Amino acid sequence: MRLAAYAGASTVLAAGVVVHAFNQRPNFYSACVYLSQSNLSLMILTNLTLFVVASFIYCLQRICYGPLRPIEVEQLYEKGWFAITETCLAMTIFRDEVGAWFLVMFVALMAGKIWGWVGEGRVEILEQQPPANPRLFHIRLSISLAMSILYDAWLLSYAINSVIQQARPNMMVMFLFEFAILTTSSFSTALRYGISLIEAKIVKQQTQEMLESRRAEVRRQRQDMIREREAAAASGEPLSAEATEEPLPSEDDIEEMDIEPPGWETKGHWVLTLDLMTDFIKLGIYSAFFFILLTFYGLPIHIMRDLFLTARSFLKRLSAFLKYRNATRDMNQRYPDATVEEIQREDTCIICREEMTPWSVTNPAPGAPGADAPQPPPVRSPIISERSRPKKLPCGHVLHLGCLKSWLERQQ
């Protein structure tokens, strides 16, 4: 109701200002000159223009993203006010160039930032929980991220061309670097979304393989029980009451919800690399902007905080990346395989809580004793490989090699 009243009042005031201008001036040109020179008229028309632009962005957001959650709205308010404060500080440097075009570029910048923030939040939601309607969610998010990249790249191209035409850095330099940061963030969000899609595909494939493996195992158990009962009936030996009353296992009892796939082992490595490269590019952009403004306008206070936070984030991620690479290098040779006796004492992985099998039993070496003897092949999932190899740590704990890598990724 308040929004409708505000819209109605803004429209009535704007219409009144335009009608008054045409009544005061004899032709269209003089009326436009009157409107452009009247501060009150400009304020009223600008207010209506901003309301129309905000309404259009809101409608577009409802179509591409759907309704926002309360936490998303709160985050947008916080980030929005902070971005406006930074722009107000930047206006002190370019105060002689503040005008209508500055306002247009600022609104375009804020629209791109808000759109990017919402897209980044939706990608984070996708990583935490599956959407209720996957098809609609992915269609909306794909279109929204593509629109964000195209919009930011177009404005960045316009800002670059405008700066090239100027003999001296002006207001457009600030928008050039802002759109460069925005374009980098948009590409980073899109790549992170791509990583999530790859992970979902791998998890789905692993789930199907494990499901087929377990169903095949149930079918073998069912056939063994049937053969055992038929053999007992043919020989006349009575079966125990438990064996007789035990129902035959059915593969239909194995449901997809009961499967816990291990997931994409190298996802953390790719995410860490992407964040590191994003921070590196942002640090380069902020550094170039800082030194250009320092050369022509003096100390740029409004970007010192962003420059410091970006530099600290980059150094922190770089340190974590180097530690992770050092910790995961030659893990097979660094940590010995757990022996049968060690696994008998501790046969449950402390991370995934699944039972461990000695690697020498599931994968006997060609020259190992008993390796050539005929024995039934172990029942193993087709996706299990080096990831399930039990390793003994110097502290004495025994866990899967893949679980150890995942734990190291989370620690970094």
Protein backbone atom coordinates (compact mmCIF):
# COMPACT_ATOMS: atom_id res chain seq x y z
CA MET A 1 0.00 0.00 0.00
CA ARG A 2 2.79 2.43 0.88
CA LEU A 3 4.67 1.55 -2.28
CA ALA A 4 1.55 2.11 -4.40
CA ALA A 5 0.97 5.47 -2.72
CA TYR A 6 4.60 6.45 -3.33
CA ALA A 7 4.37 5.44 -6.99
CA GLY A 8 1.14 7.37 -7.45
CA ALA A 9 2.50 10.50 -5.76
CA SER A 10 5.72 10.37 -7.82
CA THR A 11 3.77 10.00 -11.06
CA VAL A 12 1.39 12.85 -10.23
CA LEU A 13 4.25 15.18 -9.25
CA ALA A 14 6.23 14.35 -12.40
CA ALA A 15 3.18 14.88 -14.60
CA GLY A 16 2.47 18.20 -12.86
CA VAL A 17 6.03 19.40 -13.40
CA VAL A 18 5.93 18.53 -17.11
CA VAL A 19 2.53 20.15 -17.63
CA HIS A 20 3.65 23.28 -15.80
CA ALA A 21 6.79 23.52 -17.96
CA PHE A 22 4.79 23.29 -21.20
CA ASN A 23 2.34 25.91 -19.94
CA GLN A 24 5.18 28.29 -19.09
CA ARG A 25 7.12 27.85 -22.35
CA PRO A 26 5.82 28.16 -25.91
CA ASN A 27 7.58 25.13 -27.48
CA PHE A 28 9.07 21.76 -26.69
CA TYR A 29 12.74 22.85 -26.71
CA SER A 30 12.26 25.75 -24.31
CA ALA A 31 10.19 23.52 -22.00
CA CYS A 32 13.02 20.96 -21.88
CA VAL A 33 15.53 23.71 -21.13
CA TYR A 34 13.29 24.91 -18.30
CA LEU A 35 13.05 21.40 -16.85
CA SER A 36 16.83 20.88 -17.04
CA GLN A 37 17.55 24.17 -15.26
CA SER A 38 15.01 23.77 -12.48
CA ASN A 39 16.44 21.87 -9.49
CA LEU A 40 12.98 20.99 -8.18
CA SER A 41 11.87 19.64 -11.57
CA LEU A 42 15.06 17.59 -11.94
CA MET A 43 14.65 16.12 -8.47
CA ILE A 44 11.05 15.06 -9.13
CA LEU A 45 11.80 13.58 -12.57
CA THR A 46 14.91 11.80 -11.27
CA ASN A 47 12.86 10.33 -8.42
CA LEU A 48 10.31 8.92 -10.89
CA THR A 49 13.05 7.59 -13.18
CA LEU A 50 14.76 5.79 -10.32
CA PHE A 51 11.45 4.29 -9.22
CA VAL A 52 10.75 3.02 -12.75
CA VAL A 53 14.25 1.50 -13.03
CA ALA A 54 13.96 -0.11 -9.60
CA SER A 55 10.54 -1.54 -10.50
CA PHE A 56 11.91 -2.98 -13.74
CA ILE A 57 14.86 -4.61 -11.93
CA TYR A 58 12.50 -6.00 -9.29
CA CYS A 59 10.22 -7.54 -11.93
CA LEU A 60 13.24 -8.99 -13.74
CA GLN A 61 14.53 -10.40 -10.47
CA ARG A 62 11.17 -12.07 -9.74
CA ILE A 63 11.26 -13.70 -13.18
CA CYS A 64 14.89 -14.86 -13.13
CA TYR A 65 15.44 -15.58 -9.43
CA GLY A 66 11.98 -15.88 -7.93
CA PRO A 67 11.17 -14.55 -4.45
CA LEU A 68 14.14 -13.72 -2.25
CA ARG A 69 14.59 -15.23 1.18
CA PRO A 70 14.63 -12.89 4.22
CA ILE A 71 18.35 -13.54 4.74
CA GLU A 72 19.03 -12.56 1.12
CA VAL A 73 17.10 -9.31 1.50
CA GLU A 74 19.01 -8.47 4.67
CA GLN A 75 22.36 -9.14 2.99
CA LEU A 76 21.40 -7.00 0.00
CA TYR A 77 20.52 -4.10 2.28
CA GLU A 78 23.86 -4.35 4.11
CA LYS A 79 25.97 -4.63 0.96
CA GLY A 80 23.92 -1.94 -0.80
CA TRP A 81 24.38 0.65 1.92
CA PHE A 82 28.09 -0.11 2.09
CA ALA A 83 28.43 0.31 -1.69
CA ILE A 84 26.58 3.63 -1.56
CA THR A 85 28.87 4.84 1.23
CA GLU A 86 31.94 3.94 -0.84
CA THR A 87 30.54 5.83 -3.82
CA CYS A 88 29.90 8.91 -1.67
CA LEU A 89 33.55 8.85 -0.62
CA ALA A 90 34.58 8.52 -4.26
CA MET A 91 32.47 11.58 -5.10
CA THR A 92 34.87 13.69 -3.02
CA ILE A 93 37.58 12.93 -5.59
CA PHE A 94 35.40 13.53 -8.65
CA ARG A 95 33.19 16.25 -7.11
CA ASP A 96 33.66 18.55 -10.11
CA GLU A 97 32.26 15.89 -12.45
CA VAL A 98 29.20 14.85 -10.45
CA GLY A 99 26.06 15.31 -12.52
CA ALA A 100 23.27 13.52 -14.30
CA TRP A 101 25.61 11.14 -16.15
CA PHE A 102 27.35 10.25 -12.89
CA LEU A 103 23.96 9.29 -11.46
CA VAL A 104 23.15 7.16 -14.52
CA MET A 105 26.42 5.26 -14.28
CA PHE A 106 26.03 4.83 -10.53
CA VAL A 107 22.54 3.34 -10.95
CA ALA A 108 23.88 1.01 -13.66
CA LEU A 109 26.72 -0.05 -11.35
CA MET A 110 24.40 -0.71 -8.41
CA ALA A 111 22.04 -2.72 -10.60
CA GLY A 112 24.93 -4.93 -11.73
CA LYS A 113 26.19 -5.37 -8.18
CA ILE A 114 22.77 -6.33 -6.80
CA TRP A 115 22.21 -8.79 -9.64
CA GLY A 116 25.62 -10.34 -9.01
CA TRP A 117 25.08 -10.59 -5.25
CA VAL A 118 21.80 -12.45 -5.71
CA GLY A 119 23.41 -14.85 -8.21
CA GLU A 120 26.34 -15.50 -5.89
CA GLY A 121 23.94 -16.25 -3.05
CA ARG A 122 21.95 -18.69 -5.17
CA VAL A 123 25.13 -20.60 -6.10
CA GLU A 124 25.98 -20.87 -2.40
CA ILE A 125 22.48 -22.21 -1.71
CA LEU A 126 22.95 -24.80 -4.46
CA GLU A 127 26.17 -26.01 -2.80
CA GLN A 128 24.43 -26.41 0.56
CA GLN A 129 21.15 -28.10 -0.39
CA PRO A 130 19.46 -29.38 -3.57
CA PRO A 131 16.67 -27.15 -4.95
CA ALA A 132 13.03 -28.19 -4.66
CA ASN A 133 12.49 -27.77 -8.41
CA PRO A 134 15.89 -28.51 -10.01
CA ARG A 135 14.88 -27.88 -13.62
CA LEU A 136 13.33 -24.45 -12.97
CA PHE A 137 16.12 -23.49 -10.58
CA HIS A 138 18.90 -24.29 -13.05
CA ILE A 139 17.13 -22.62 -15.98
CA ARG A 140 16.63 -19.43 -13.98
CA LEU A 141 20.13 -19.41 -12.56
CA SER A 142 21.82 -20.13 -15.91
CA ILE A 143 19.94 -17.30 -17.62
CA SER A 144 20.62 -14.91 -14.74
CA LEU A 145 24.36 -15.59 -14.64
CA ALA A 146 24.61 -15.24 -18.43
CA MET A 147 22.76 -11.91 -18.25
CA SER A 148 25.10 -10.75 -15.48
CA ILE A 149 28.23 -11.55 -17.50
CA LEU A 150 26.91 -9.88 -20.67
CA TYR A 151 25.72 -6.79 -18.79
CA ASP A 152 28.98 -6.31 -16.89
CA ALA A 153 31.13 -6.96 -19.97
CA TRP A 154 29.10 -4.47 -22.03
CA LEU A 155 29.45 -1.71 -19.42
CA LEU A 156 33.14 -2.51 -18.99
CA SER A 157 33.66 -2.16 -22.74
CA TYR A 158 31.80 1.17 -22.73
CA ALA A 159 33.89 2.46 -19.82
CA ILE A 160 37.15 1.44 -21.52
CA ASN A 161 36.19 3.25 -24.73
CA SER A 162 35.20 6.36 -22.77
CA VAL A 163 38.49 6.45 -20.86
CA ILE A 164 40.54 5.97 -24.04
CA GLN A 165 38.87 9.01 -25.60
CA GLN A 166 39.82 11.21 -22.63
CA ALA A 167 43.23 12.83 -22.37
CA ARG A 168 43.20 12.67 -18.55
CA PRO A 169 41.65 10.18 -16.08
CA ASN A 170 38.19 11.34 -15.06
CA MET A 171 35.07 9.97 -13.42
CA MET A 172 34.85 7.08 -15.91
CA VAL A 173 38.12 5.66 -14.55
CA MET A 174 36.35 4.82 -11.30
CA PHE A 175 33.50 3.11 -13.14
CA LEU A 176 35.97 1.28 -15.39
CA PHE A 177 37.66 -0.37 -12.42
CA GLU A 178 34.33 -0.99 -10.68
CA PHE A 179 32.95 -2.77 -13.74
CA ALA A 180 36.22 -4.69 -14.09
CA ILE A 181 35.81 -5.98 -10.52
CA LEU A 182 32.15 -6.72 -11.21
CA THR A 183 32.95 -8.65 -14.41
CA THR A 184 35.59 -10.68 -12.58
CA SER A 185 33.10 -11.56 -9.85
CA SER A 186 30.46 -12.54 -12.41
CA PHE A 187 32.84 -14.89 -14.21
CA SER A 188 33.94 -16.36 -10.87
CA THR A 189 30.33 -17.01 -9.86
CA ALA A 190 29.56 -18.63 -13.21
CA LEU A 191 32.64 -20.88 -12.96
CA ARG A 192 31.68 -21.85 -9.42
CA TYR A 193 28.23 -22.73 -10.67
CA GLY A 194 29.87 -24.88 -13.36
CA ILE A 195 31.89 -26.67 -10.67
CA SER A 196 28.66 -27.37 -8.78
CA LEU A 197 27.07 -28.81 -11.94
CA ILE A 198 30.07 -31.08 -12.52
CA GLU A 199 29.90 -32.24 -8.91
CA ALA A 200 26.18 -32.99 -9.22
CA LYS A 201 26.82 -35.01 -12.37
CA ILE A 202 29.61 -37.01 -10.72
CA VAL A 203 27.53 -37.65 -7.60
CA LYS A 204 24.60 -38.82 -9.72
CA GLN A 205 26.87 -41.18 -11.68
CA GLN A 206 28.39 -42.52 -8.47
CA THR A 207 24.95 -43.04 -6.96
CA GLN A 208 23.77 -45.03 -9.96
CA GLU A 209 26.90 -47.19 -9.96
CA MET A 210 26.67 -47.90 -6.23
CA LEU A 211 22.95 -48.59 -6.55
CA GLU A 212 23.54 -51.12 -9.33
CA SER A 213 26.38 -52.69 -7.36
CA ARG A 214 24.25 -53.14 -4.24
CA ARG A 215 21.32 -54.49 -6.21
CA ALA A 216 23.61 -56.99 -7.95
CA GLU A 217 24.91 -58.05 -4.54
CA VAL A 218 21.33 -58.54 -3.29
CA ARG A 219 20.52 -60.61 -6.37
CA ARG A 220 23.52 -62.85 -5.68
CA GLN A 221 22.47 -63.26 -2.05
CA ARG A 222 18.96 -64.15 -3.13
CA GLN A 223 20.22 -66.75 -5.61
CA ASP A 224 22.55 -68.24 -2.97
CA MET A 225 19.68 -68.57 -0.49
CA ILE A 226 17.44 -70.18 -3.11
CA ARG A 227 20.18 -72.67 -4.10
CA GLU A 228 20.81 -73.46 -0.43
CA ARG A 229 17.15 -74.23 0.18
CA GLU A 230 16.86 -76.29 -2.99
CA ALA A 231 19.96 -78.27 -2.05
CA ALA A 232 18.61 -78.88 1.45
CA ALA A 233 15.26 -79.99 0.05
CA ALA A 234 16.96 -82.35 -2.43
CA SER A 235 19.16 -83.93 0.23
CA GLY A 236 16.35 -84.16 2.75
CA GLU A 237 18.28 -82.25 5.42
CA PRO A 238 15.98 -79.96 7.38
CA LEU A 239 16.84 -76.28 7.57
CA SER A 240 16.79 -74.33 10.79
CA ALA A 241 13.67 -72.38 11.67
CA GLU A 242 15.52 -69.10 11.23
CA ALA A 243 16.76 -70.04 7.77
CA THR A 244 13.29 -71.20 6.75
CA GLU A 245 11.47 -68.10 8.00
CA GLU A 246 14.10 -65.63 6.79
CA PRO A 247 12.57 -63.69 3.86
CA LEU A 248 14.39 -63.59 0.58
CA PRO A 249 16.14 -60.24 0.00
CA SER A 250 14.73 -58.11 -2.79
CA GLU A 251 16.65 -55.59 -4.86
CA ASP A 252 13.62 -53.29 -4.67
CA ASP A 253 14.44 -52.72 -1.00
CA ILE A 254 17.60 -50.81 -2.01
CA GLU A 255 16.57 -47.21 -2.54
CA GLU A 256 18.55 -44.32 -3.94
CA MET A 257 18.13 -42.37 -0.70
CA ASP A 258 20.15 -45.05 1.14
CA ILE A 259 23.19 -44.50 -1.08
CA GLU A 260 25.93 -42.19 0.17
CA PRO A 261 28.31 -41.49 -2.72
CA PRO A 262 31.82 -40.25 -1.88
CA GLY A 263 31.44 -37.19 -4.12
CA TRP A 264 33.93 -35.35 -6.30
CA GLU A 265 37.31 -35.82 -4.72
CA THR A 266 39.06 -32.84 -6.34
CA LYS A 267 36.24 -30.30 -5.98
CA GLY A 268 37.92 -28.53 -3.07
CA HIS A 269 41.11 -28.18 -5.07
CA TRP A 270 39.29 -26.52 -7.99
CA VAL A 271 37.27 -24.21 -5.72
CA LEU A 272 40.41 -23.13 -3.87
CA THR A 273 42.20 -22.50 -7.18
CA LEU A 274 39.26 -20.47 -8.52
CA ASP A 275 39.08 -18.31 -5.38
CA LEU A 276 42.84 -17.79 -5.50
CA MET A 277 42.79 -16.66 -9.15
CA THR A 278 39.78 -14.39 -8.52
CA ASP A 279 41.52 -12.67 -5.61
CA PHE A 280 44.70 -12.32 -7.68
CA ILE A 281 42.84 -10.57 -10.53
CA LYS A 282 40.95 -8.31 -8.11
CA LEU A 283 44.18 -7.42 -6.32
CA GLY A 284 45.74 -6.40 -9.64
CA ILE A 285 42.72 -4.25 -10.55
CA TYR A 286 42.58 -2.53 -7.16
CA SER A 287 46.34 -1.91 -7.20
CA ALA A 288 46.23 -0.32 -10.66
CA PHE A 289 43.25 1.85 -9.66
CA PHE A 290 44.97 2.89 -6.43
CA PHE A 291 48.18 4.04 -8.14
CA ILE A 292 46.32 5.86 -10.95
CA LEU A 293 44.23 7.86 -8.48
CA LEU A 294 47.28 8.43 -6.27
CA THR A 295 49.13 9.87 -9.26
CA PHE A 296 46.42 12.22 -10.54
CA TYR A 297 44.10 12.93 -7.58
CA GLY A 298 45.93 12.12 -4.35
CA LEU A 299 45.37 9.39 -1.77
CA PRO A 300 42.15 7.43 -2.64
CA ILE A 301 40.76 6.72 0.82
CA HIS A 302 37.60 5.03 -0.46
CA ILE A 303 39.40 2.00 -1.92
CA MET A 304 42.07 1.49 0.75
CA ARG A 305 39.81 -0.86 2.69
CA ASP A 306 38.98 -2.96 -0.39
CA LEU A 307 42.64 -3.07 -1.39
CA PHE A 308 43.67 -4.23 2.08
CA LEU A 309 40.94 -6.88 2.37
CA THR A 310 41.64 -8.23 -1.11
CA ALA A 311 45.39 -8.41 -0.46
CA ARG A 312 44.83 -10.18 2.87
CA SER A 313 42.38 -12.62 1.31
CA PHE A 314 44.77 -13.40 -1.54
CA LEU A 315 47.73 -14.02 0.78
CA LYS A 316 45.59 -16.17 3.05
CA ARG A 317 44.28 -18.29 0.16
CA LEU A 318 47.77 -18.57 -1.33
CA SER A 319 49.14 -19.82 1.98
CA ALA A 320 46.28 -22.33 2.29
CA PHE A 321 46.81 -23.50 -1.28
CA LEU A 322 50.53 -24.07 -0.76
CA LYS A 323 49.92 -25.89 2.51
CA TYR A 324 47.31 -28.09 0.85
CA ARG A 325 49.61 -28.95 -2.07
CA ASN A 326 52.42 -29.77 0.30
CA ALA A 327 50.19 -31.91 2.52
CA THR A 328 48.64 -33.89 -0.36
CA ARG A 329 51.86 -34.46 -2.33
CA ASP A 330 52.95 -38.14 -2.53
CA MET A 331 50.40 -39.24 0.05
CA ASN A 332 50.63 -42.87 -1.09
CA GLN A 333 54.35 -42.95 -0.42
CA ARG A 334 54.27 -40.70 2.66
CA TYR A 335 51.69 -42.72 4.61
CA PRO A 336 52.00 -46.53 4.76
CA ASP A 337 49.10 -48.87 4.09
CA ALA A 338 47.37 -50.14 7.19
CA THR A 339 48.03 -53.80 7.87
CA VAL A 340 45.39 -56.44 8.52
CA GLU A 341 46.21 -56.45 12.25
CA GLU A 342 45.90 -52.65 12.48
CA ILE A 343 42.53 -52.65 10.70
CA GLN A 344 41.28 -55.45 12.95
CA ARG A 345 41.93 -53.18 15.92
CA GLU A 346 40.31 -50.16 14.20
CA ASP A 347 38.18 -51.14 11.22
CA THR A 348 36.03 -47.98 10.99
CA CYS A 349 37.17 -44.80 9.26
CA ILE A 350 36.98 -41.94 11.75
CA ILE A 351 35.73 -39.53 9.04
CA CYS A 352 33.18 -41.37 6.89
CA ARG A 353 32.37 -43.98 9.60
CA GLU A 354 32.44 -46.78 7.04
CA GLU A 355 34.12 -50.13 7.45
CA MET A 356 37.63 -50.43 6.03
CA THR A 357 39.14 -53.41 4.22
CA PRO A 358 42.90 -53.98 4.00
CA TRP A 359 44.27 -52.94 0.62
CA SER A 360 46.41 -56.10 0.49
CA VAL A 361 43.21 -58.18 0.63
CA THR A 362 41.11 -56.31 -1.93
CA ASN A 363 44.08 -55.63 -4.25
CA PRO A 364 46.66 -58.40 -3.72
CA ALA A 365 50.00 -57.89 -5.37
CA PRO A 366 50.83 -60.28 -8.25
CA GLY A 367 53.65 -61.95 -6.32
CA ALA A 368 51.93 -61.99 -2.95
CA PRO A 369 51.33 -65.36 -1.25
CA GLY A 370 47.97 -66.73 -2.18
CA ALA A 371 47.48 -64.20 -4.95
CA ASP A 372 47.44 -66.94 -7.61
CA ALA A 373 45.12 -69.22 -5.66
CA PRO A 374 41.58 -69.36 -6.98
CA GLN A 375 39.31 -67.24 -4.81
CA PRO A 376 36.09 -65.38 -5.38
CA PRO A 377 36.64 -61.77 -6.35
CA PRO A 378 35.81 -59.30 -3.60
CA VAL A 379 32.54 -57.46 -3.97
CA ARG A 380 33.53 -53.84 -4.53
CA SER A 381 31.78 -50.83 -5.91
CA PRO A 382 33.02 -49.90 -9.38
CA ILE A 383 33.84 -46.35 -8.24
CA ILE A 384 36.02 -47.44 -5.31
CA SER A 385 39.73 -47.18 -6.09
CA GLU A 386 42.62 -45.47 -4.36
CA ARG A 387 40.13 -43.35 -2.44
CA SER A 388 39.20 -46.30 -0.19
CA ARG A 389 42.81 -47.30 0.50
CA PRO A 390 43.33 -47.45 4.30
CA LYS A 391 46.29 -45.38 5.43
CA LYS A 392 47.98 -45.19 8.82
CA LEU A 393 48.90 -41.71 10.05
CA PRO A 394 51.91 -40.95 12.28
CA CYS A 395 49.49 -40.37 15.15
CA GLY A 396 48.24 -43.97 14.83
CA HIS A 397 44.82 -43.28 13.34
CA VAL A 398 43.70 -45.31 10.32
CA LEU A 399 41.41 -43.78 7.70
CA HIS A 400 40.69 -43.82 3.97
CA LEU A 401 43.07 -41.99 1.65
CA GLY A 402 40.17 -40.08 0.05
CA CYS A 403 38.79 -39.11 3.47
CA LEU A 404 42.22 -37.81 4.47
CA LYS A 405 42.35 -35.60 1.35
CA SER A 406 38.81 -34.31 1.98
CA TRP A 407 39.68 -33.49 5.58
CA LEU A 408 42.78 -31.56 4.48
CA GLU A 409 40.67 -29.59 1.97
CA ARG A 410 38.19 -28.59 4.66
CA GLN A 411 40.98 -27.54 6.96
CA GLN A 412 42.34 -25.18 4.28
